[in-house]
N, C-alpha and C. Protein backbone atom coordinates (compact mmCIF):
# COMPACT_ATOMS: atom_id res chain seq x y z
N MET A 1 -52.30 81.94 41.93
CA MET A 1 -51.80 80.68 42.46
C MET A 1 -52.40 79.53 41.67
N LYS A 2 -51.55 78.65 41.20
CA LYS A 2 -52.00 77.51 40.39
C LYS A 2 -52.55 76.40 41.28
N GLU A 3 -53.73 75.91 40.92
CA GLU A 3 -54.34 74.80 41.67
C GLU A 3 -53.78 73.48 41.14
N THR A 4 -53.37 72.59 42.04
CA THR A 4 -52.84 71.30 41.62
C THR A 4 -53.97 70.29 41.49
N SER A 5 -53.80 69.40 40.55
CA SER A 5 -54.83 68.39 40.31
C SER A 5 -54.72 67.27 41.35
N THR A 6 -55.76 66.49 41.46
CA THR A 6 -55.76 65.33 42.36
C THR A 6 -54.64 64.37 41.98
N VAL A 7 -54.45 64.14 40.71
CA VAL A 7 -53.40 63.23 40.25
C VAL A 7 -52.03 63.74 40.68
N ASP A 8 -51.78 65.02 40.50
CA ASP A 8 -50.49 65.59 40.90
C ASP A 8 -50.26 65.43 42.40
N ARG A 9 -51.29 65.65 43.19
CA ARG A 9 -51.15 65.49 44.65
C ARG A 9 -50.86 64.04 45.01
N LEU A 10 -51.54 63.10 44.36
CA LEU A 10 -51.32 61.69 44.65
C LEU A 10 -49.94 61.23 44.22
N LEU A 11 -49.47 61.75 43.10
CA LEU A 11 -48.16 61.33 42.60
C LEU A 11 -47.01 61.82 43.47
N ARG A 12 -47.23 62.85 44.27
CA ARG A 12 -46.21 63.30 45.19
C ARG A 12 -45.95 62.27 46.28
N ASN A 13 -46.94 61.47 46.61
CA ASN A 13 -46.80 60.44 47.63
C ASN A 13 -47.15 59.10 46.98
N MET A 14 -46.13 58.36 46.57
CA MET A 14 -46.34 57.10 45.85
C MET A 14 -47.04 56.04 46.70
N ASN A 15 -47.13 56.24 48.00
CA ASN A 15 -47.85 55.29 48.85
C ASN A 15 -49.35 55.36 48.61
N ASN A 16 -49.81 56.36 47.90
CA ASN A 16 -51.25 56.54 47.65
C ASN A 16 -51.67 56.07 46.25
N MET A 17 -50.81 55.36 45.52
CA MET A 17 -51.15 54.95 44.16
C MET A 17 -52.42 54.12 44.09
N HIS A 18 -52.70 53.34 45.13
CA HIS A 18 -53.92 52.53 45.11
C HIS A 18 -55.17 53.41 45.01
N GLU A 19 -55.09 54.65 45.46
CA GLU A 19 -56.24 55.54 45.38
C GLU A 19 -56.61 55.85 43.94
N LEU A 20 -55.61 55.90 43.05
CA LEU A 20 -55.92 56.11 41.63
C LEU A 20 -56.67 54.91 41.07
N GLY A 21 -56.26 53.71 41.47
CA GLY A 21 -56.96 52.50 41.03
C GLY A 21 -58.38 52.45 41.55
N LYS A 22 -58.56 52.84 42.80
CA LYS A 22 -59.90 52.85 43.39
C LYS A 22 -60.78 53.86 42.66
N GLN A 23 -60.24 55.04 42.42
CA GLN A 23 -61.00 56.08 41.72
C GLN A 23 -61.44 55.60 40.34
N ARG A 24 -60.54 54.98 39.61
CA ARG A 24 -60.86 54.50 38.25
C ARG A 24 -61.88 53.38 38.29
N ALA A 25 -61.72 52.45 39.23
CA ALA A 25 -62.69 51.35 39.35
C ALA A 25 -64.08 51.91 39.61
N PHE A 26 -64.19 52.88 40.50
CA PHE A 26 -65.49 53.46 40.82
C PHE A 26 -66.06 54.24 39.63
N GLU A 27 -65.21 54.93 38.88
CA GLU A 27 -65.67 55.64 37.68
C GLU A 27 -66.32 54.68 36.69
N LEU A 28 -65.78 53.46 36.62
CA LEU A 28 -66.31 52.44 35.71
C LEU A 28 -67.48 51.66 36.32
N GLY A 29 -67.82 51.95 37.59
CA GLY A 29 -68.91 51.26 38.26
C GLY A 29 -68.52 49.89 38.79
N ASN A 30 -67.21 49.65 38.93
CA ASN A 30 -66.71 48.36 39.40
C ASN A 30 -66.30 48.44 40.87
N PRO A 31 -66.25 47.29 41.54
CA PRO A 31 -65.72 47.29 42.90
C PRO A 31 -64.20 47.44 42.88
N PHE A 32 -63.64 47.82 44.03
CA PHE A 32 -62.20 47.93 44.20
C PHE A 32 -61.76 46.88 45.20
N TYR A 33 -60.75 46.10 44.85
CA TYR A 33 -60.22 45.05 45.73
C TYR A 33 -58.86 45.48 46.26
N ALA A 34 -58.63 45.24 47.54
CA ALA A 34 -57.32 45.53 48.14
C ALA A 34 -57.01 44.48 49.20
N HIS A 35 -55.74 44.29 49.45
CA HIS A 35 -55.27 43.31 50.42
C HIS A 35 -54.61 44.06 51.56
N TYR A 36 -55.22 44.04 52.74
CA TYR A 36 -54.68 44.73 53.91
C TYR A 36 -54.30 43.71 54.98
N LYS A 37 -53.20 43.96 55.65
CA LYS A 37 -52.69 43.06 56.68
C LYS A 37 -53.74 42.78 57.77
N GLU A 38 -54.47 43.79 58.18
CA GLU A 38 -55.44 43.64 59.27
C GLU A 38 -56.68 42.83 58.90
N ASP A 39 -56.82 42.44 57.64
CA ASP A 39 -58.00 41.68 57.21
C ASP A 39 -57.78 40.16 57.28
N GLY A 40 -56.71 39.72 57.88
CA GLY A 40 -56.50 38.30 58.14
C GLY A 40 -56.38 37.43 56.91
N GLY A 41 -55.74 37.91 55.86
CA GLY A 41 -55.54 37.10 54.66
C GLY A 41 -56.64 37.20 53.63
N TYR A 42 -57.76 37.83 53.97
CA TYR A 42 -58.85 38.03 53.02
C TYR A 42 -58.61 39.32 52.24
N TYR A 43 -59.32 39.47 51.14
CA TYR A 43 -59.30 40.72 50.38
C TYR A 43 -60.45 41.59 50.87
N ARG A 44 -60.27 42.88 50.75
CA ARG A 44 -61.34 43.83 51.05
C ARG A 44 -61.94 44.26 49.72
N LYS A 45 -63.24 44.17 49.61
CA LYS A 45 -63.97 44.59 48.40
C LYS A 45 -64.77 45.83 48.78
N GLU A 46 -64.48 46.93 48.09
CA GLU A 46 -65.21 48.17 48.36
C GLU A 46 -66.04 48.53 47.13
N MET A 47 -67.31 48.74 47.36
CA MET A 47 -68.23 49.08 46.28
C MET A 47 -68.28 50.59 46.08
N PRO A 48 -68.66 51.05 44.89
CA PRO A 48 -68.80 52.50 44.65
C PRO A 48 -69.80 53.15 45.61
N THR A 49 -70.71 52.36 46.18
CA THR A 49 -71.71 52.88 47.12
C THR A 49 -71.16 53.05 48.52
N GLY A 50 -69.92 52.57 48.76
CA GLY A 50 -69.32 52.68 50.08
C GLY A 50 -69.39 51.42 50.91
N GLU A 51 -70.16 50.43 50.47
CA GLU A 51 -70.23 49.17 51.20
C GLU A 51 -68.88 48.46 51.11
N LYS A 52 -68.49 47.80 52.21
CA LYS A 52 -67.22 47.09 52.24
C LYS A 52 -67.44 45.66 52.74
N TYR A 53 -66.70 44.74 52.14
CA TYR A 53 -66.82 43.33 52.47
C TYR A 53 -65.44 42.69 52.57
N LEU A 54 -65.33 41.64 53.38
CA LEU A 54 -64.17 40.76 53.32
C LEU A 54 -64.55 39.62 52.40
N VAL A 55 -63.67 39.30 51.46
CA VAL A 55 -63.98 38.29 50.45
C VAL A 55 -62.76 37.40 50.18
N THR A 56 -63.04 36.22 49.65
CA THR A 56 -61.99 35.42 49.03
C THR A 56 -62.09 35.71 47.54
N VAL A 57 -60.96 35.62 46.86
CA VAL A 57 -60.92 36.01 45.44
C VAL A 57 -60.33 34.88 44.62
N GLU A 58 -60.98 34.60 43.48
CA GLU A 58 -60.45 33.68 42.48
C GLU A 58 -60.33 34.47 41.18
N ILE A 59 -59.13 34.50 40.62
CA ILE A 59 -58.89 35.23 39.37
C ILE A 59 -58.87 34.23 38.23
N ILE A 60 -59.79 34.39 37.29
CA ILE A 60 -59.90 33.51 36.12
C ILE A 60 -59.00 34.08 35.02
N MET A 61 -58.11 33.24 34.51
CA MET A 61 -57.16 33.66 33.48
C MET A 61 -57.54 33.05 32.13
N ASP A 62 -57.17 33.72 31.03
CA ASP A 62 -57.40 33.16 29.70
C ASP A 62 -56.20 32.32 29.27
N GLU A 63 -56.21 31.85 28.03
CA GLU A 63 -55.14 30.98 27.54
C GLU A 63 -53.79 31.70 27.44
N ASN A 64 -53.80 33.04 27.47
CA ASN A 64 -52.56 33.82 27.42
C ASN A 64 -52.12 34.28 28.81
N ASP A 65 -52.71 33.70 29.84
CA ASP A 65 -52.41 34.04 31.23
C ASP A 65 -52.75 35.49 31.57
N MET A 66 -53.78 36.01 30.93
CA MET A 66 -54.28 37.35 31.22
C MET A 66 -55.56 37.22 32.04
N PRO A 67 -55.73 38.04 33.08
CA PRO A 67 -56.96 37.96 33.88
C PRO A 67 -58.17 38.40 33.08
N VAL A 68 -59.25 37.61 33.14
CA VAL A 68 -60.47 37.95 32.41
C VAL A 68 -61.68 38.09 33.33
N GLU A 69 -61.60 37.54 34.53
CA GLU A 69 -62.75 37.61 35.44
C GLU A 69 -62.27 37.44 36.87
N ILE A 70 -62.94 38.13 37.79
CA ILE A 70 -62.68 37.96 39.21
C ILE A 70 -63.95 37.41 39.84
N LYS A 71 -63.81 36.24 40.48
CA LYS A 71 -64.93 35.67 41.23
C LYS A 71 -64.61 35.84 42.70
N ASP A 72 -65.55 36.44 43.42
CA ASP A 72 -65.32 36.61 44.85
C ASP A 72 -66.44 35.98 45.65
N THR A 73 -66.10 35.55 46.85
CA THR A 73 -67.06 34.99 47.78
C THR A 73 -67.05 35.84 49.04
N VAL A 74 -68.19 36.39 49.39
CA VAL A 74 -68.28 37.28 50.55
C VAL A 74 -68.17 36.46 51.83
N ILE A 75 -67.25 36.86 52.69
CA ILE A 75 -67.08 36.26 54.01
C ILE A 75 -67.95 37.01 55.01
N LYS A 76 -67.82 38.35 55.02
CA LYS A 76 -68.70 39.16 55.87
C LYS A 76 -68.64 40.62 55.44
N GLN A 77 -69.69 41.36 55.78
CA GLN A 77 -69.71 42.78 55.53
C GLN A 77 -68.99 43.48 56.68
N ILE A 78 -68.22 44.52 56.37
CA ILE A 78 -67.52 45.25 57.42
C ILE A 78 -67.97 46.70 57.45
N GLU A 79 -67.77 47.33 58.59
CA GLU A 79 -68.14 48.72 58.87
C GLU A 79 -69.57 48.90 58.77
């Protein structure tokens, strides 16, 4: 029996695509940002360590309108 990879399992359900982004962000040691309806308009910032925060986000763009930096302000820690 052939074992399916994590990527193959995730691609079967396109609603889980954000999980690939989260996995990659954590592999690089970066936080993962997501926008959930229940967070009242704030972004959720999840750290590779499992800590979660509600934050406001400012995306700094370069002269070509490409994102170069994310500045966030912590509103509160959650969970």
